[in-house]
Amino acid sequence: MFSLILQSEIEVIWELYNKIKKVHIILLFPNFEILDENIDCLSKYGNLKEEGKPKIFSTPETPTYALKLINENKDIIKS
């Protein structure tokens, strides 16, 4: 028996002092149920169906905070 760790990465894009800023966030999920909840949450901030890394148009704190509200045990890695 083995365990799976579900992983995804998003790119967060925002403007600060008239400059475009970008950060990649790696998301780790313990199961498919929480993954589905996160997809619903993140779809408010950008198109998750595009190929490659989905782009979220928001400051990094907004989706990170929203995701932590769903499950505090989630690992979020800003890279």
PDB file of N, CA and C in Angstrom:
ATOM      1  N   MET A   1       0.845  -1.185   0.000  1.00  0.00           N
ATOM      2  CA  MET A   1       0.000   0.000   0.000  1.00  0.00           C
ATOM      3  C   MET A   1       0.888   1.245   0.000  1.00  0.00           C
ATOM      4  N   PHE A   2       0.466   2.250  -0.727  1.00  0.00           N
ATOM      5  CA  PHE A   2       1.221   3.488  -0.769  1.00  0.00           C
ATOM      6  C   PHE A   2       0.252   4.662  -0.677  1.00  0.00           C
ATOM      7  N   SER A   3       0.795   5.809  -0.327  1.00  0.00           N
ATOM      8  CA  SER A   3      -0.015   7.027  -0.217  1.00  0.00           C
ATOM      9  C   SER A   3       0.328   7.969  -1.365  1.00  0.00           C
ATOM     10  N   LEU A   4      -0.662   8.672  -1.832  1.00  0.00           N
ATOM     11  CA  LEU A   4      -0.461   9.676  -2.865  1.00  0.00           C
ATOM     12  C   LEU A   4      -0.515  11.064  -2.238  1.00  0.00           C
ATOM     13  N   ILE A   5       0.283  11.958  -2.753  1.00  0.00           N
ATOM     14  CA  ILE A   5       0.186  13.364  -2.381  1.00  0.00           C
ATOM     15  C   ILE A   5      -0.226  14.096  -3.650  1.00  0.00           C
ATOM     16  N   LEU A   6      -1.385  14.691  -3.623  1.00  0.00           N
ATOM     17  CA  LEU A   6      -1.883  15.436  -4.774  1.00  0.00           C
ATOM     18  C   LEU A   6      -1.244  16.816  -4.761  1.00  0.00           C
ATOM     19  N   GLN A   7      -0.752  17.245  -5.905  1.00  0.00           N
ATOM     20  CA  GLN A   7      -0.014  18.489  -5.987  1.00  0.00           C
ATOM     21  C   GLN A   7      -0.455  19.283  -7.202  1.00  0.00           C
ATOM     22  N   SER A   8      -0.464  20.602  -7.055  1.00  0.00           N
ATOM     23  CA  SER A   8      -0.731  21.489  -8.174  1.00  0.00           C
ATOM     24  C   SER A   8       0.076  22.763  -7.976  1.00  0.00           C
ATOM     25  N   GLU A   9       0.174  23.545  -9.019  1.00  0.00           N
ATOM     26  CA  GLU A   9       0.887  24.811  -8.946  1.00  0.00           C
ATOM     27  C   GLU A   9       0.058  25.867  -9.658  1.00  0.00           C
ATOM     28  N   ILE A  10      -0.009  27.046  -9.068  1.00  0.00           N
ATOM     29  CA  ILE A  10      -0.693  28.176  -9.697  1.00  0.00           C
ATOM     30  C   ILE A  10       0.277  29.346  -9.781  1.00  0.00           C
ATOM     31  N   GLU A  11       0.005  30.237 -10.710  1.00  0.00           N
ATOM     32  CA  GLU A  11       0.780  31.471 -10.832  1.00  0.00           C
ATOM     33  C   GLU A  11      -0.139  32.621 -10.434  1.00  0.00           C
ATOM     34  N   VAL A  12       0.284  33.388  -9.452  1.00  0.00           N
ATOM     35  CA  VAL A  12      -0.502  34.530  -8.991  1.00  0.00           C
ATOM     36  C   VAL A  12       0.131  35.792  -9.566  1.00  0.00           C
ATOM     37  N   ILE A  13      -0.710  36.636 -10.182  1.00  0.00           N
ATOM     38  CA  ILE A  13      -0.232  37.845 -10.853  1.00  0.00           C
ATOM     39  C   ILE A  13      -0.975  39.038 -10.281  1.00  0.00           C
ATOM     40  N   TRP A  14      -0.237  40.087  -9.927  1.00  0.00           N
ATOM     41  CA  TRP A  14      -0.860  41.306  -9.424  1.00  0.00           C
ATOM     42  C   TRP A  14       0.019  42.501  -9.758  1.00  0.00           C
ATOM     43  N   GLU A  15      -0.533  43.676  -9.582  1.00  0.00           N
ATOM     44  CA  GLU A  15       0.200  44.908  -9.867  1.00  0.00           C
ATOM     45  C   GLU A  15       0.505  45.613  -8.556  1.00  0.00           C
ATOM     46  N   LEU A  16       1.744  46.085  -8.432  1.00  0.00           N
ATOM     47  CA  LEU A  16       2.177  46.811  -7.237  1.00  0.00           C
ATOM     48  C   LEU A  16       3.069  47.951  -7.689  1.00  0.00           C
ATOM     49  N   TYR A  17       2.680  49.157  -7.361  1.00  0.00           N
ATOM     50  CA  TYR A  17       3.438  50.360  -7.756  1.00  0.00           C
ATOM     51  C   TYR A  17       3.706  50.387  -9.258  1.00  0.00           C
ATOM     52  N   ASN A  18       2.660  50.118 -10.042  1.00  0.00           N
ATOM     53  CA  ASN A  18       2.716  50.137 -11.506  1.00  0.00           C
ATOM     54  C   ASN A  18       3.669  49.105 -12.110  1.00  0.00           C
ATOM     55  N   LYS A  19       3.988  48.067 -11.360  1.00  0.00           N
ATOM     56  CA  LYS A  19       4.824  46.972 -11.874  1.00  0.00           C
ATOM     57  C   LYS A  19       4.059  45.666 -11.694  1.00  0.00           C
ATOM     58  N   ILE A  20       4.175  44.793 -12.681  1.00  0.00           N
ATOM     59  CA  ILE A  20       3.534  43.479 -12.614  1.00  0.00           C
ATOM     60  C   ILE A  20       4.405  42.547 -11.760  1.00  0.00           C
ATOM     61  N   LYS A  21       3.792  41.930 -10.781  1.00  0.00           N
ATOM     62  CA  LYS A  21       4.476  40.981  -9.904  1.00  0.00           C
ATOM     63  C   LYS A  21       3.879  39.595 -10.122  1.00  0.00           C
ATOM     64  N   LYS A  22       4.712  38.558 -10.013  1.00  0.00           N
ATOM     65  CA  LYS A  22       4.252  37.178 -10.187  1.00  0.00           C
ATOM     66  C   LYS A  22       4.903  36.308  -9.123  1.00  0.00           C
ATOM     67  N   VAL A  23       4.136  35.347  -8.637  1.00  0.00           N
ATOM     68  CA  VAL A  23       4.669  34.346  -7.722  1.00  0.00           C
ATOM     69  C   VAL A  23       3.996  33.017  -8.045  1.00  0.00           C
ATOM     70  N   HIS A  24       4.744  31.940  -7.926  1.00  0.00           N
ATOM     71  CA  HIS A  24       4.194  30.600  -8.137  1.00  0.00           C
ATOM     72  C   HIS A  24       3.926  30.002  -6.768  1.00  0.00           C
ATOM     73  N   ILE A  25       2.772  29.377  -6.631  1.00  0.00           N
ATOM     74  CA  ILE A  25       2.402  28.740  -5.367  1.00  0.00           C
ATOM     75  C   ILE A  25       2.162  27.266  -5.634  1.00  0.00           C
ATOM     76  N   ILE A  26       2.843  26.430  -4.880  1.00  0.00           N
ATOM     77  CA  ILE A  26       2.660  24.984  -4.965  1.00  0.00           C
ATOM     78  C   ILE A  26       1.662  24.586  -3.891  1.00  0.00           C
ATOM     79  N   LEU A  27       0.655  23.831  -4.287  1.00  0.00           N
ATOM     80  CA  LEU A  27      -0.404  23.398  -3.376  1.00  0.00           C
ATOM     81  C   LEU A  27      -0.345  21.888  -3.215  1.00  0.00           C
ATOM     82  N   LEU A  28      -0.413  21.419  -1.985  1.00  0.00           N
ATOM     83  CA  LEU A  28      -0.422  19.985  -1.687  1.00  0.00           C
ATOM     84  C   LEU A  28      -1.752  19.639  -1.032  1.00  0.00           C
ATOM     85  N   PHE A  29      -2.385  18.564  -1.498  1.00  0.00           N
ATOM     86  CA  PHE A  29      -3.707  18.177  -1.010  1.00  0.00           C
ATOM     87  C   PHE A  29      -3.671  16.753  -0.463  1.00  0.00           C
ATOM     88  N   PRO A  30      -4.341  16.519   0.667  1.00  0.00           N
ATOM     89  CA  PRO A  30      -4.337  15.176   1.249  1.00  0.00           C
ATOM     90  C   PRO A  30      -5.280  14.193   0.555  1.00  0.00           C
ATOM     91  N   ASN A  31      -6.319  14.718  -0.151  1.00  0.00           N
ATOM     92  CA  ASN A  31      -7.270  13.816  -0.813  1.00  0.00           C
ATOM     93  C   ASN A  31      -8.028  14.569  -1.912  1.00  0.00           C
ATOM     94  N   PHE A  32      -8.782  13.822  -2.718  1.00  0.00           N
ATOM     95  CA  PHE A  32      -9.496  14.412  -3.848  1.00  0.00           C
ATOM     96  C   PHE A  32     -10.653  15.309  -3.400  1.00  0.00           C
ATOM     97  N   GLU A  33     -11.251  15.018  -2.262  1.00  0.00           N
ATOM     98  CA  GLU A  33     -12.354  15.839  -1.759  1.00  0.00           C
ATOM     99  C   GLU A  33     -11.888  17.274  -1.491  1.00  0.00           C
ATOM    100  N   ILE A  34     -10.765  17.407  -0.827  1.00  0.00           N
ATOM    101  CA  ILE A  34     -10.235  18.741  -0.539  1.00  0.00           C
ATOM    102  C   ILE A  34      -9.735  19.397  -1.818  1.00  0.00           C
ATOM    103  N   LEU A  35      -9.187  18.617  -2.728  1.00  0.00           N
ATOM    104  CA  LEU A  35      -8.776  19.153  -4.026  1.00  0.00           C
ATOM    105  C   LEU A  35      -9.963  19.780  -4.743  1.00  0.00           C
ATOM    106  N   ASP A  36     -11.098  19.092  -4.782  1.00  0.00           N
ATOM    107  CA  ASP A  36     -12.296  19.627  -5.427  1.00  0.00           C
ATOM    108  C   ASP A  36     -12.783  20.915  -4.754  1.00  0.00           C
ATOM    109  N   GLU A  37     -12.731  20.967  -3.425  1.00  0.00           N
ATOM    110  CA  GLU A  37     -13.125  22.186  -2.705  1.00  0.00           C
ATOM    111  C   GLU A  37     -12.221  23.351  -3.087  1.00  0.00           C
ATOM    112  N   ASN A  38     -10.937  23.072  -3.253  1.00  0.00           N
ATOM    113  CA  ASN A  38      -9.988  24.114  -3.616  1.00  0.00           C
ATOM    114  C   ASN A  38     -10.182  24.593  -5.045  1.00  0.00           C
ATOM    115  N   ILE A  39     -10.532  23.694  -5.937  1.00  0.00           N
ATOM    116  CA  ILE A  39     -10.820  24.084  -7.315  1.00  0.00           C
ATOM    117  C   ILE A  39     -11.991  25.063  -7.336  1.00  0.00           C
ATOM    118  N   ASP A  40     -13.042  24.770  -6.583  1.00  0.00           N
ATOM    119  CA  ASP A  40     -14.188  25.674  -6.507  1.00  0.00           C
ATOM    120  C   ASP A  40     -13.769  27.042  -5.971  1.00  0.00           C
ATOM    121  N   CYS A  41     -12.952  27.042  -4.943  1.00  0.00           N
ATOM    122  CA  CYS A  41     -12.496  28.287  -4.330  1.00  0.00           C
ATOM    123  C   CYS A  41     -11.629  29.102  -5.294  1.00  0.00           C
ATOM    124  N   LEU A  42     -10.645  28.480  -5.910  1.00  0.00           N
ATOM    125  CA  LEU A  42      -9.712  29.195  -6.778  1.00  0.00           C
ATOM    126  C   LEU A  42     -10.332  29.650  -8.091  1.00  0.00           C
ATOM    127  N   SER A  43     -11.396  28.978  -8.538  1.00  0.00           N
ATOM    128  CA  SER A  43     -12.017  29.369  -9.804  1.00  0.00           C
ATOM    129  C   SER A  43     -12.627  30.771  -9.728  1.00  0.00           C
ATOM    130  N   LYS A  44     -12.801  31.309  -8.535  1.00  0.00           N
ATOM    131  CA  LYS A  44     -13.296  32.688  -8.369  1.00  0.00           C
ATOM    132  C   LYS A  44     -12.237  33.708  -8.771  1.00  0.00           C
ATOM    133  N   TYR A  45     -10.976  33.291  -8.788  1.00  0.00           N
ATOM    134  CA  TYR A  45      -9.875  34.217  -9.027  1.00  0.00           C
ATOM    135  C   TYR A  45      -9.243  34.098 -10.407  1.00  0.00           C
ATOM    136  N   GLY A  46      -9.582  33.067 -11.156  1.00  0.00           N
ATOM    137  CA  GLY A  46      -8.984  32.918 -12.482  1.00  0.00           C
ATOM    138  C   GLY A  46      -9.497  31.670 -13.171  1.00  0.00           C
ATOM    139  N   ASN A  47      -9.082  31.483 -14.412  1.00  0.00           N
ATOM    140  CA  ASN A  47      -9.493  30.343 -15.227  1.00  0.00           C
ATOM    141  C   ASN A  47      -8.575  29.161 -14.941  1.00  0.00           C
ATOM    142  N   LEU A  48      -9.100  28.151 -14.274  1.00  0.00           N
ATOM    143  CA  LEU A  48      -8.288  26.990 -13.916  1.00  0.00           C
ATOM    144  C   LEU A  48      -8.249  25.950 -15.027  1.00  0.00           C
ATOM    145  N   LYS A  49      -9.006  26.147 -16.088  1.00  0.00           N
ATOM    146  CA  LYS A  49      -9.074  25.155 -17.159  1.00  0.00           C
ATOM    147  C   LYS A  49      -8.044  25.397 -18.255  1.00  0.00           C
ATOM    148  N   GLU A  50      -7.304  26.505 -18.181  1.00  0.00           N
ATOM    149  CA  GLU A  50      -6.310  26.750 -19.219  1.00  0.00           C
ATOM    150  C   GLU A  50      -5.129  25.807 -19.036  1.00  0.00           C
ATOM    151  N   GLU A  51      -4.462  25.539 -20.141  1.00  0.00           N
ATOM    152  CA  GLU A  51      -3.349  24.613 -20.115  1.00  0.00           C
ATOM    153  C   GLU A  51      -2.144  25.233 -19.421  1.00  0.00           C
ATOM    154  N   GLY A  52      -1.327  24.403 -18.849  1.00  0.00           N
ATOM    155  CA  GLY A  52      -0.158  24.898 -18.125  1.00  0.00           C
ATOM    156  C   GLY A  52      -0.558  25.315 -16.720  1.00  0.00           C
ATOM    157  N   LYS A  53       0.194  26.225 -16.154  1.00  0.00           N
ATOM    158  CA  LYS A  53      -0.124  26.711 -14.813  1.00  0.00           C
ATOM    159  C   LYS A  53      -1.305  27.660 -14.877  1.00  0.00           C
ATOM    160  N   PRO A  54      -2.351  27.405 -14.100  1.00  0.00           N
ATOM    161  CA  PRO A  54      -3.448  28.370 -14.052  1.00  0.00           C
ATOM    162  C   PRO A  54      -2.955  29.706 -13.496  1.00  0.00           C
ATOM    163  N   LYS A  55      -3.479  30.786 -14.045  1.00  0.00           N
ATOM    164  CA  LYS A  55      -3.105  32.120 -13.607  1.00  0.00           C
ATOM    165  C   LYS A  55      -4.231  32.698 -12.750  1.00  0.00           C
ATOM    166  N   ILE A  56      -3.869  33.163 -11.566  1.00  0.00           N
ATOM    167  CA  ILE A  56      -4.800  33.773 -10.637  1.00  0.00           C
ATOM    168  C   ILE A  56      -4.461  35.255 -10.585  1.00  0.00           C
ATOM    169  N   PHE A  57      -5.435  36.101 -10.816  1.00  0.00           N
ATOM    170  CA  PHE A  57      -5.199  37.543 -10.820  1.00  0.00           C
ATOM    171  C   PHE A  57      -5.670  38.119  -9.489  1.00  0.00           C
ATOM    172  N   SER A  58      -4.716  38.236  -8.569  1.00  0.00           N
ATOM    173  CA  SER A  58      -5.006  38.661  -7.209  1.00  0.00           C
ATOM    174  C   SER A  58      -3.673  38.800  -6.486  1.00  0.00           C
ATOM    175  N   THR A  59      -3.679  39.428  -5.325  1.00  0.00           N
ATOM    176  CA  THR A  59      -2.465  39.404  -4.516  1.00  0.00           C
ATOM    177  C   THR A  59      -2.302  37.982  -3.965  1.00  0.00           C
ATOM    178  N   PRO A  60      -1.088  37.551  -3.654  1.00  0.00           N
ATOM    179  CA  PRO A  60      -0.890  36.182  -3.170  1.00  0.00           C
ATOM    180  C   PRO A  60      -1.641  35.883  -1.871  1.00  0.00           C
ATOM    181  N   GLU A  61      -1.846  36.895  -1.047  1.00  0.00           N
ATOM    182  CA  GLU A  61      -2.496  36.668   0.241  1.00  0.00           C
ATOM    183  C   GLU A  61      -3.956  36.261   0.095  1.00  0.00           C
ATOM    184  N   THR A  62      -4.649  36.781  -0.914  1.00  0.00           N
ATOM    185  CA  THR A  62      -6.081  36.506  -1.052  1.00  0.00           C
ATOM    186  C   THR A  62      -6.377  35.030  -1.306  1.00  0.00           C
ATOM    187  N   PRO A  63      -5.824  34.393  -2.348  1.00  0.00           N
ATOM    188  CA  PRO A  63      -6.125  32.966  -2.527  1.00  0.00           C
ATOM    189  C   PRO A  63      -5.532  32.099  -1.415  1.00  0.00           C
ATOM    190  N   THR A  64      -4.382  32.488  -0.878  1.00  0.00           N
ATOM    191  CA  THR A  64      -3.780  31.720   0.212  1.00  0.00           C
ATOM    192  C   THR A  64      -4.691  31.722   1.425  1.00  0.00           C
ATOM    193  N   TYR A  65      -5.220  32.885   1.780  1.00  0.00           N
ATOM    194  CA  TYR A  65      -6.135  32.994   2.921  1.00  0.00           C
ATOM    195  C   TYR A  65      -7.412  32.200   2.664  1.00  0.00           C
ATOM    196  N   ALA A  66      -7.959  32.324   1.460  1.00  0.00           N
ATOM    197  CA  ALA A  66      -9.198  31.613   1.124  1.00  0.00           C
ATOM    198  C   ALA A  66      -8.993  30.103   1.199  1.00  0.00           C
ATOM    199  N   LEU A  67      -7.856  29.613   0.729  1.00  0.00           N
ATOM    200  CA  LEU A  67      -7.579  28.182   0.762  1.00  0.00           C
ATOM    201  C   LEU A  67      -7.383  27.684   2.188  1.00  0.00           C
ATOM    202  N   LYS A  68      -6.751  28.480   3.024  1.00  0.00           N
ATOM    203  CA  LYS A  68      -6.550  28.084   4.417  1.00  0.00           C
ATOM    204  C   LYS A  68      -7.880  28.011   5.165  1.00  0.00           C
ATOM    205  N   LEU A  69      -8.871  28.817   4.749  1.00  0.00           N
ATOM    206  CA  LEU A  69     -10.189  28.750   5.382  1.00  0.00           C
ATOM    207  C   LEU A  69     -10.854  27.397   5.125  1.00  0.00           C
ATOM    208  N   ILE A  70     -10.585  26.804   3.972  1.00  0.00           N
ATOM    209  CA  ILE A  70     -11.173  25.501   3.643  1.00  0.00           C
ATOM    210  C   ILE A  70     -10.567  24.411   4.520  1.00  0.00           C
ATOM    211  N   ASN A  71      -9.238  24.433   4.654  1.00  0.00           N
ATOM    212  CA  ASN A  71      -8.582  23.381   5.429  1.00  0.00           C
ATOM    213  C   ASN A  71      -7.253  23.924   5.952  1.00  0.00           C
ATOM    214  N   GLU A  72      -7.174  24.122   7.244  1.00  0.00           N
ATOM    215  CA  GLU A  72      -5.938  24.671   7.840  1.00  0.00           C
ATOM    216  C   GLU A  72      -4.763  23.715   7.736  1.00  0.00           C
ATOM    217  N   ASN A  73      -5.009  22.448   7.475  1.00  0.00           N
ATOM    218  CA  ASN A  73      -3.929  21.466   7.404  1.00  0.00           C
ATOM    219  C   ASN A  73      -3.277  21.386   6.034  1.00  0.00           C
ATOM    220  N   LYS A  74      -3.678  22.254   5.132  1.00  0.00           N
ATOM    221  CA  LYS A  74      -3.138  22.238   3.778  1.00  0.00           C
ATOM    222  C   LYS A  74      -1.747  22.856   3.770  1.00  0.00           C
ATOM    223  N   ASP A  75      -0.848  22.313   2.977  1.00  0.00           N
ATOM    224  CA  ASP A  75       0.477  22.887   2.804  1.00  0.00           C
ATOM    225  C   ASP A  75       0.471  23.767   1.567  1.00  0.00           C
ATOM    226  N   ILE A  76       0.891  25.017   1.734  1.00  0.00           N
ATOM    227  CA  ILE A  76       0.987  25.961   0.619  1.00  0.00           C
ATOM    228  C   ILE A  76       2.423  26.464   0.593  1.00  0.00           C
ATOM    229  N   ILE A  77       3.091  26.290  -0.527  1.00  0.00           N
ATOM    230  CA  ILE A  77       4.500  26.656  -0.646  1.00  0.00           C
ATOM    231  C   ILE A  77       4.622  27.751  -1.697  1.00  0.00           C
ATOM    232  N   LYS A  78       5.066  28.921  -1.288  1.00  0.00           N
ATOM    233  CA  LYS A  78       5.322  29.992  -2.254  1.00  0.00           C
ATOM    234  C   LYS A  78       6.706  29.782  -2.812  1.00  0.00           C
ATOM    235  N   SER A  79       6.782  29.705  -4.135  1.00  0.00           N
ATOM    236  CA  SER A  79       8.093  29.451  -4.757  1.00  0.00           C
ATOM    237  C   SER A  79       8.469  30.558  -5.704  1.00  0.00           C
TER     238      SER A  79
END
